[in-house]
Amino acid sequence: MMTMLDRFVADINKAFLAKRKRLETFTKSSVKTSHQKIEQLWRVQQRDNQWDTDVQKSKDNEEKLLSMFQHQQKMFQHKRASQSQRLKTLKQLLEQYIQSLDTMEKTHVSQQGAAQGELRQEMALFQKKILSDTVSKRTDQFTNSLFTCRTMVDPFA
């Protein structure tokens, strides 16, 4: 069970790393595209003498991208914390389950021993009763045989 949980954690980490790499790739691509557009606009604006306006726009775009990236990082951290908490809960549940199984097994062994002890006592009592009944029957048979033999030897007695 623990190796299964370890694999589960490893799979979660791989998924988060893959998402993080995609996010970084997307961000780098966006930044690169933004820089290319900024450079192009800069050339056009140089000709039109609007340098200050373009610089401000590029700064605004850069701030927006940075804000988006930071927001994505926060979401990633939150999801990871949430997954860690769920994993911790699963581990606790597993430990409780294992403890319950141990307790149940001990109880079962105890009950089985008690039942076997009672069965032995009942069997011993039953054997004593059978022996007593057998002795009683044999005694009765012996008495009847003696009585029959006596009446055969002396029919008038």
C-alpha atoms as a PDB file:
ATOM      1  CA  MET A   1       0.000   0.000   0.000  1.00  0.00           C
ATOM      2  CA  MET A   2       2.849   2.404   0.832  1.00  0.00           C
ATOM      3  CA  THR A   3       4.527   1.813  -2.554  1.00  0.00           C
ATOM      4  CA  MET A   4       1.189   2.481  -4.202  1.00  0.00           C
ATOM      5  CA  LEU A   5       0.961   5.775  -2.298  1.00  0.00           C
ATOM      6  CA  ASP A   6       4.576   6.586  -3.247  1.00  0.00           C
ATOM      7  CA  ARG A   7       3.738   5.949  -6.909  1.00  0.00           C
ATOM      8  CA  PHE A   8       0.650   8.096  -6.528  1.00  0.00           C
ATOM      9  CA  VAL A   9       2.788  10.933  -5.113  1.00  0.00           C
ATOM     10  CA  ALA A  10       5.328  10.478  -7.913  1.00  0.00           C
ATOM     11  CA  ASP A  11       2.561  10.637 -10.551  1.00  0.00           C
ATOM     12  CA  ILE A  12       1.157  13.796  -8.983  1.00  0.00           C
ATOM     13  CA  ASN A  13       4.629  15.389  -8.944  1.00  0.00           C
ATOM     14  CA  LYS A  14       5.198  14.433 -12.586  1.00  0.00           C
ATOM     15  CA  ALA A  15       1.857  15.958 -13.565  1.00  0.00           C
ATOM     16  CA  PHE A  16       2.644  19.184 -11.704  1.00  0.00           C
ATOM     17  CA  LEU A  17       6.123  19.382 -13.245  1.00  0.00           C
ATOM     18  CA  ALA A  18       4.653  18.862 -16.717  1.00  0.00           C
ATOM     19  CA  LYS A  19       2.096  21.611 -16.105  1.00  0.00           C
ATOM     20  CA  ARG A  20       4.798  23.893 -14.784  1.00  0.00           C
ATOM     21  CA  LYS A  21       6.996  23.275 -17.852  1.00  0.00           C
ATOM     22  CA  ARG A  22       4.053  23.994 -20.164  1.00  0.00           C
ATOM     23  CA  LEU A  23       3.338  27.172 -18.249  1.00  0.00           C
ATOM     24  CA  GLU A  24       6.983  28.255 -18.438  1.00  0.00           C
ATOM     25  CA  THR A  25       7.092  27.449 -22.166  1.00  0.00           C
ATOM     26  CA  PHE A  26       3.887  29.391 -22.735  1.00  0.00           C
ATOM     27  CA  THR A  27       5.189  32.306 -20.690  1.00  0.00           C
ATOM     28  CA  LYS A  28       8.548  32.351 -22.485  1.00  0.00           C
ATOM     29  CA  SER A  29       6.802  32.160 -25.826  1.00  0.00           C
ATOM     30  CA  SER A  30       4.427  34.955 -24.842  1.00  0.00           C
ATOM     31  CA  VAL A  31       7.273  37.090 -23.564  1.00  0.00           C
ATOM     32  CA  LYS A  32       9.276  36.451 -26.701  1.00  0.00           C
ATOM     33  CA  THR A  33       6.307  37.305 -28.907  1.00  0.00           C
ATOM     34  CA  SER A  34       5.636  40.400 -26.824  1.00  0.00           C
ATOM     35  CA  HIS A  35       9.249  41.515 -27.127  1.00  0.00           C
ATOM     36  CA  GLN A  36       9.154  41.004 -30.880  1.00  0.00           C
ATOM     37  CA  LYS A  37       5.986  43.048 -31.163  1.00  0.00           C
ATOM     38  CA  ILE A  38       7.442  45.710 -28.897  1.00  0.00           C
ATOM     39  CA  GLU A  39      10.554  45.973 -31.051  1.00  0.00           C
ATOM     40  CA  GLN A  40       8.491  46.263 -34.201  1.00  0.00           C
ATOM     41  CA  LEU A  41       6.261  48.922 -32.673  1.00  0.00           C
ATOM     42  CA  TRP A  42       9.308  50.714 -31.344  1.00  0.00           C
ATOM     43  CA  ARG A  43      10.685  51.083 -34.863  1.00  0.00           C
ATOM     44  CA  VAL A  44       7.370  52.349 -36.169  1.00  0.00           C
ATOM     45  CA  GLN A  45       6.934  54.704 -33.256  1.00  0.00           C
ATOM     46  CA  GLN A  46      10.457  56.026 -33.614  1.00  0.00           C
ATOM     47  CA  ARG A  47       9.495  57.195 -37.031  1.00  0.00           C
ATOM     48  CA  ASP A  48       6.318  58.724 -35.696  1.00  0.00           C
ATOM     49  CA  ASN A  49       7.985  60.164 -32.577  1.00  0.00           C
ATOM     50  CA  GLN A  50       5.741  58.227 -30.158  1.00  0.00           C
ATOM     51  CA  TRP A  51       8.496  56.539 -28.247  1.00  0.00           C
ATOM     52  CA  ASP A  52       7.160  57.294 -24.777  1.00  0.00           C
ATOM     53  CA  THR A  53       3.715  55.894 -25.509  1.00  0.00           C
ATOM     54  CA  ASP A  54       5.117  52.611 -26.835  1.00  0.00           C
ATOM     55  CA  VAL A  55       7.455  52.157 -23.913  1.00  0.00           C
ATOM     56  CA  GLN A  56       4.543  52.611 -21.535  1.00  0.00           C
ATOM     57  CA  LYS A  57       2.442  50.075 -23.459  1.00  0.00           C
ATOM     58  CA  SER A  58       5.239  47.524 -23.399  1.00  0.00           C
ATOM     59  CA  LYS A  59       5.709  48.043 -19.677  1.00  0.00           C
ATOM     60  CA  ASP A  60       1.987  47.585 -19.153  1.00  0.00           C
ATOM     61  CA  ASN A  61       1.994  44.389 -21.219  1.00  0.00           C
ATOM     62  CA  GLU A  62       5.016  43.097 -19.359  1.00  0.00           C
ATOM     63  CA  GLU A  63       3.341  43.813 -16.024  1.00  0.00           C
ATOM     64  CA  LYS A  64       0.209  41.999 -17.169  1.00  0.00           C
ATOM     65  CA  LEU A  65       2.222  38.950 -18.228  1.00  0.00           C
ATOM     66  CA  LEU A  66       4.146  38.975 -14.996  1.00  0.00           C
ATOM     67  CA  SER A  67       0.896  39.241 -13.061  1.00  0.00           C
ATOM     68  CA  MET A  68      -0.561  36.318 -15.027  1.00  0.00           C
ATOM     69  CA  PHE A  69       2.557  34.259 -14.407  1.00  0.00           C
ATOM     70  CA  GLN A  70       2.499  34.998 -10.672  1.00  0.00           C
ATOM     71  CA  HIS A  71      -1.187  34.133 -10.539  1.00  0.00           C
ATOM     72  CA  GLN A  72      -0.477  30.804 -12.269  1.00  0.00           C
ATOM     73  CA  GLN A  73       2.318  30.081  -9.787  1.00  0.00           C
ATOM     74  CA  LYS A  74      -0.003  30.772  -6.845  1.00  0.00           C
ATOM     75  CA  MET A  75      -2.630  28.458  -8.318  1.00  0.00           C
ATOM     76  CA  PHE A  76       0.022  25.781  -8.826  1.00  0.00           C
ATOM     77  CA  GLN A  77       1.199  26.106  -5.214  1.00  0.00           C
ATOM     78  CA  HIS A  78      -2.377  25.992  -3.933  1.00  0.00           C
ATOM     79  CA  LYS A  79      -3.150  22.855  -5.948  1.00  0.00           C
ATOM     80  CA  ARG A  80       0.024  21.200  -4.743  1.00  0.00           C
ATOM     81  CA  ALA A  81      -0.826  22.009  -1.104  1.00  0.00           C
ATOM     82  CA  SER A  82      -4.323  20.655  -1.654  1.00  0.00           C
ATOM     83  CA  GLN A  83      -2.938  17.434  -3.180  1.00  0.00           C
ATOM     84  CA  SER A  84      -0.486  17.079  -0.305  1.00  0.00           C
ATOM     85  CA  GLN A  85      -3.315  17.444   2.205  1.00  0.00           C
ATOM     86  CA  ARG A  86      -5.380  14.814   0.390  1.00  0.00           C
ATOM     87  CA  LEU A  87      -2.400  12.478   0.324  1.00  0.00           C
ATOM     88  CA  LYS A  88      -1.852  13.017   4.043  1.00  0.00           C
ATOM     89  CA  THR A  89      -5.512  12.227   4.674  1.00  0.00           C
ATOM     90  CA  LEU A  90      -5.243   9.065   2.573  1.00  0.00           C
ATOM     91  CA  LYS A  91      -2.184   7.957   4.552  1.00  0.00           C
ATOM     92  CA  GLN A  92      -4.033   8.533   7.829  1.00  0.00           C
ATOM     93  CA  LEU A  93      -7.013   6.561   6.576  1.00  0.00           C
ATOM     94  CA  LEU A  94      -4.724   3.745   5.496  1.00  0.00           C
ATOM     95  CA  GLU A  95      -3.077   3.644   8.919  1.00  0.00           C
ATOM     96  CA  GLN A  96      -6.487   3.587  10.623  1.00  0.00           C
ATOM     97  CA  TYR A  97      -7.587   0.780   8.317  1.00  0.00           C
ATOM     98  CA  ILE A  98      -4.482  -1.270   9.083  1.00  0.00           C
ATOM     99  CA  GLN A  99      -4.966  -0.713  12.822  1.00  0.00           C
ATOM    100  CA  SER A 100      -8.597  -1.782  12.522  1.00  0.00           C
ATOM    101  CA  LEU A 101      -7.555  -4.933  10.685  1.00  0.00           C
ATOM    102  CA  ASP A 102      -4.988  -5.733  13.388  1.00  0.00           C
ATOM    103  CA  THR A 103      -7.557  -5.204  16.124  1.00  0.00           C
ATOM    104  CA  MET A 104     -10.096  -7.318  14.279  1.00  0.00           C
ATOM    105  CA  GLU A 105      -7.546 -10.106  13.786  1.00  0.00           C
ATOM    106  CA  LYS A 106      -6.629 -10.101  17.492  1.00  0.00           C
ATOM    107  CA  THR A 107     -10.299 -10.173  18.457  1.00  0.00           C
ATOM    108  CA  HIS A 108     -10.929 -13.012  16.020  1.00  0.00           C
ATOM    109  CA  VAL A 109      -8.033 -15.052  17.421  1.00  0.00           C
ATOM    110  CA  SER A 110      -9.271 -14.432  20.982  1.00  0.00           C
ATOM    111  CA  GLN A 111     -12.840 -15.398  20.114  1.00  0.00           C
ATOM    112  CA  GLN A 112     -11.666 -18.465  18.244  1.00  0.00           C
ATOM    113  CA  GLY A 113      -9.598 -19.595  21.256  1.00  0.00           C
ATOM    114  CA  ALA A 114     -12.571 -19.073  23.594  1.00  0.00           C
ATOM    115  CA  ALA A 115     -14.884 -20.989  21.257  1.00  0.00           C
ATOM    116  CA  GLN A 116     -12.415 -23.863  20.992  1.00  0.00           C
ATOM    117  CA  GLY A 117     -12.093 -23.978  24.794  1.00  0.00           C
ATOM    118  CA  GLU A 118     -15.879 -24.134  25.198  1.00  0.00           C
ATOM    119  CA  LEU A 119     -16.078 -26.842  22.546  1.00  0.00           C
ATOM    120  CA  ARG A 120     -13.420 -28.912  24.354  1.00  0.00           C
ATOM    121  CA  GLN A 121     -15.332 -28.600  27.619  1.00  0.00           C
ATOM    122  CA  GLU A 122     -18.589 -29.633  25.964  1.00  0.00           C
ATOM    123  CA  MET A 123     -16.855 -32.585  24.283  1.00  0.00           C
ATOM    124  CA  ALA A 124     -15.354 -33.694  27.600  1.00  0.00           C
ATOM    125  CA  LEU A 125     -18.774 -33.474  29.311  1.00  0.00           C
ATOM    126  CA  PHE A 126     -20.358 -35.360  26.431  1.00  0.00           C
ATOM    127  CA  GLN A 127     -17.688 -38.081  26.619  1.00  0.00           C
ATOM    128  CA  LYS A 128     -18.254 -38.411  30.385  1.00  0.00           C
ATOM    129  CA  LYS A 129     -22.006 -38.711  29.837  1.00  0.00           C
ATOM    130  CA  ILE A 130     -21.560 -41.348  27.121  1.00  0.00           C
ATOM    131  CA  LEU A 131     -19.173 -43.268  29.369  1.00  0.00           C
ATOM    132  CA  SER A 132     -21.602 -43.008  32.279  1.00  0.00           C
ATOM    133  CA  ASP A 133     -24.521 -44.133  30.104  1.00  0.00           C
ATOM    134  CA  THR A 134     -22.461 -47.029  28.745  1.00  0.00           C
ATOM    135  CA  VAL A 135     -21.413 -48.143  32.235  1.00  0.00           C
ATOM    136  CA  SER A 136     -25.022 -47.884  33.413  1.00  0.00           C
ATOM    137  CA  LYS A 137     -26.293 -49.938  30.447  1.00  0.00           C
ATOM    138  CA  ARG A 138     -23.603 -52.553  30.943  1.00  0.00           C
ATOM    139  CA  THR A 139     -24.406 -52.742  34.638  1.00  0.00           C
ATOM    140  CA  ASP A 140     -28.117 -53.186  33.837  1.00  0.00           C
ATOM    141  CA  GLN A 141     -27.290 -55.839  31.241  1.00  0.00           C
ATOM    142  CA  PHE A 142     -25.019 -57.634  33.697  1.00  0.00           C
ATOM    143  CA  THR A 143     -27.716 -57.515  36.401  1.00  0.00           C
ATOM    144  CA  ASN A 144     -30.330 -58.842  33.963  1.00  0.00           C
ATOM    145  CA  SER A 145     -27.949 -61.584  32.843  1.00  0.00           C
ATOM    146  CA  LEU A 146     -27.338 -62.603  36.450  1.00  0.00           C
ATOM    147  CA  PHE A 147     -31.051 -62.588  37.162  1.00  0.00           C
ATOM    148  CA  THR A 148     -31.729 -64.668  34.026  1.00  0.00           C
ATOM    149  CA  CYS A 149     -28.966 -67.125  34.925  1.00  0.00           C
ATOM    150  CA  ARG A 150     -30.287 -67.425  38.460  1.00  0.00           C
ATOM    151  CA  THR A 151     -33.836 -68.134  37.299  1.00  0.00           C
ATOM    152  CA  MET A 152     -32.545 -70.738  34.879  1.00  0.00           C
ATOM    153  CA  VAL A 153     -30.522 -72.489  37.539  1.00  0.00           C
ATOM    154  CA  ASP A 154     -33.252 -72.299  40.166  1.00  0.00           C
ATOM    155  CA  PRO A 155     -36.553 -71.529  38.499  1.00  0.00           C
ATOM    156  CA  PHE A 156     -38.433 -71.515  41.859  1.00  0.00           C
ATOM    157  CA  ALA A 157     -36.177 -69.180  43.733  1.00  0.00           C
END
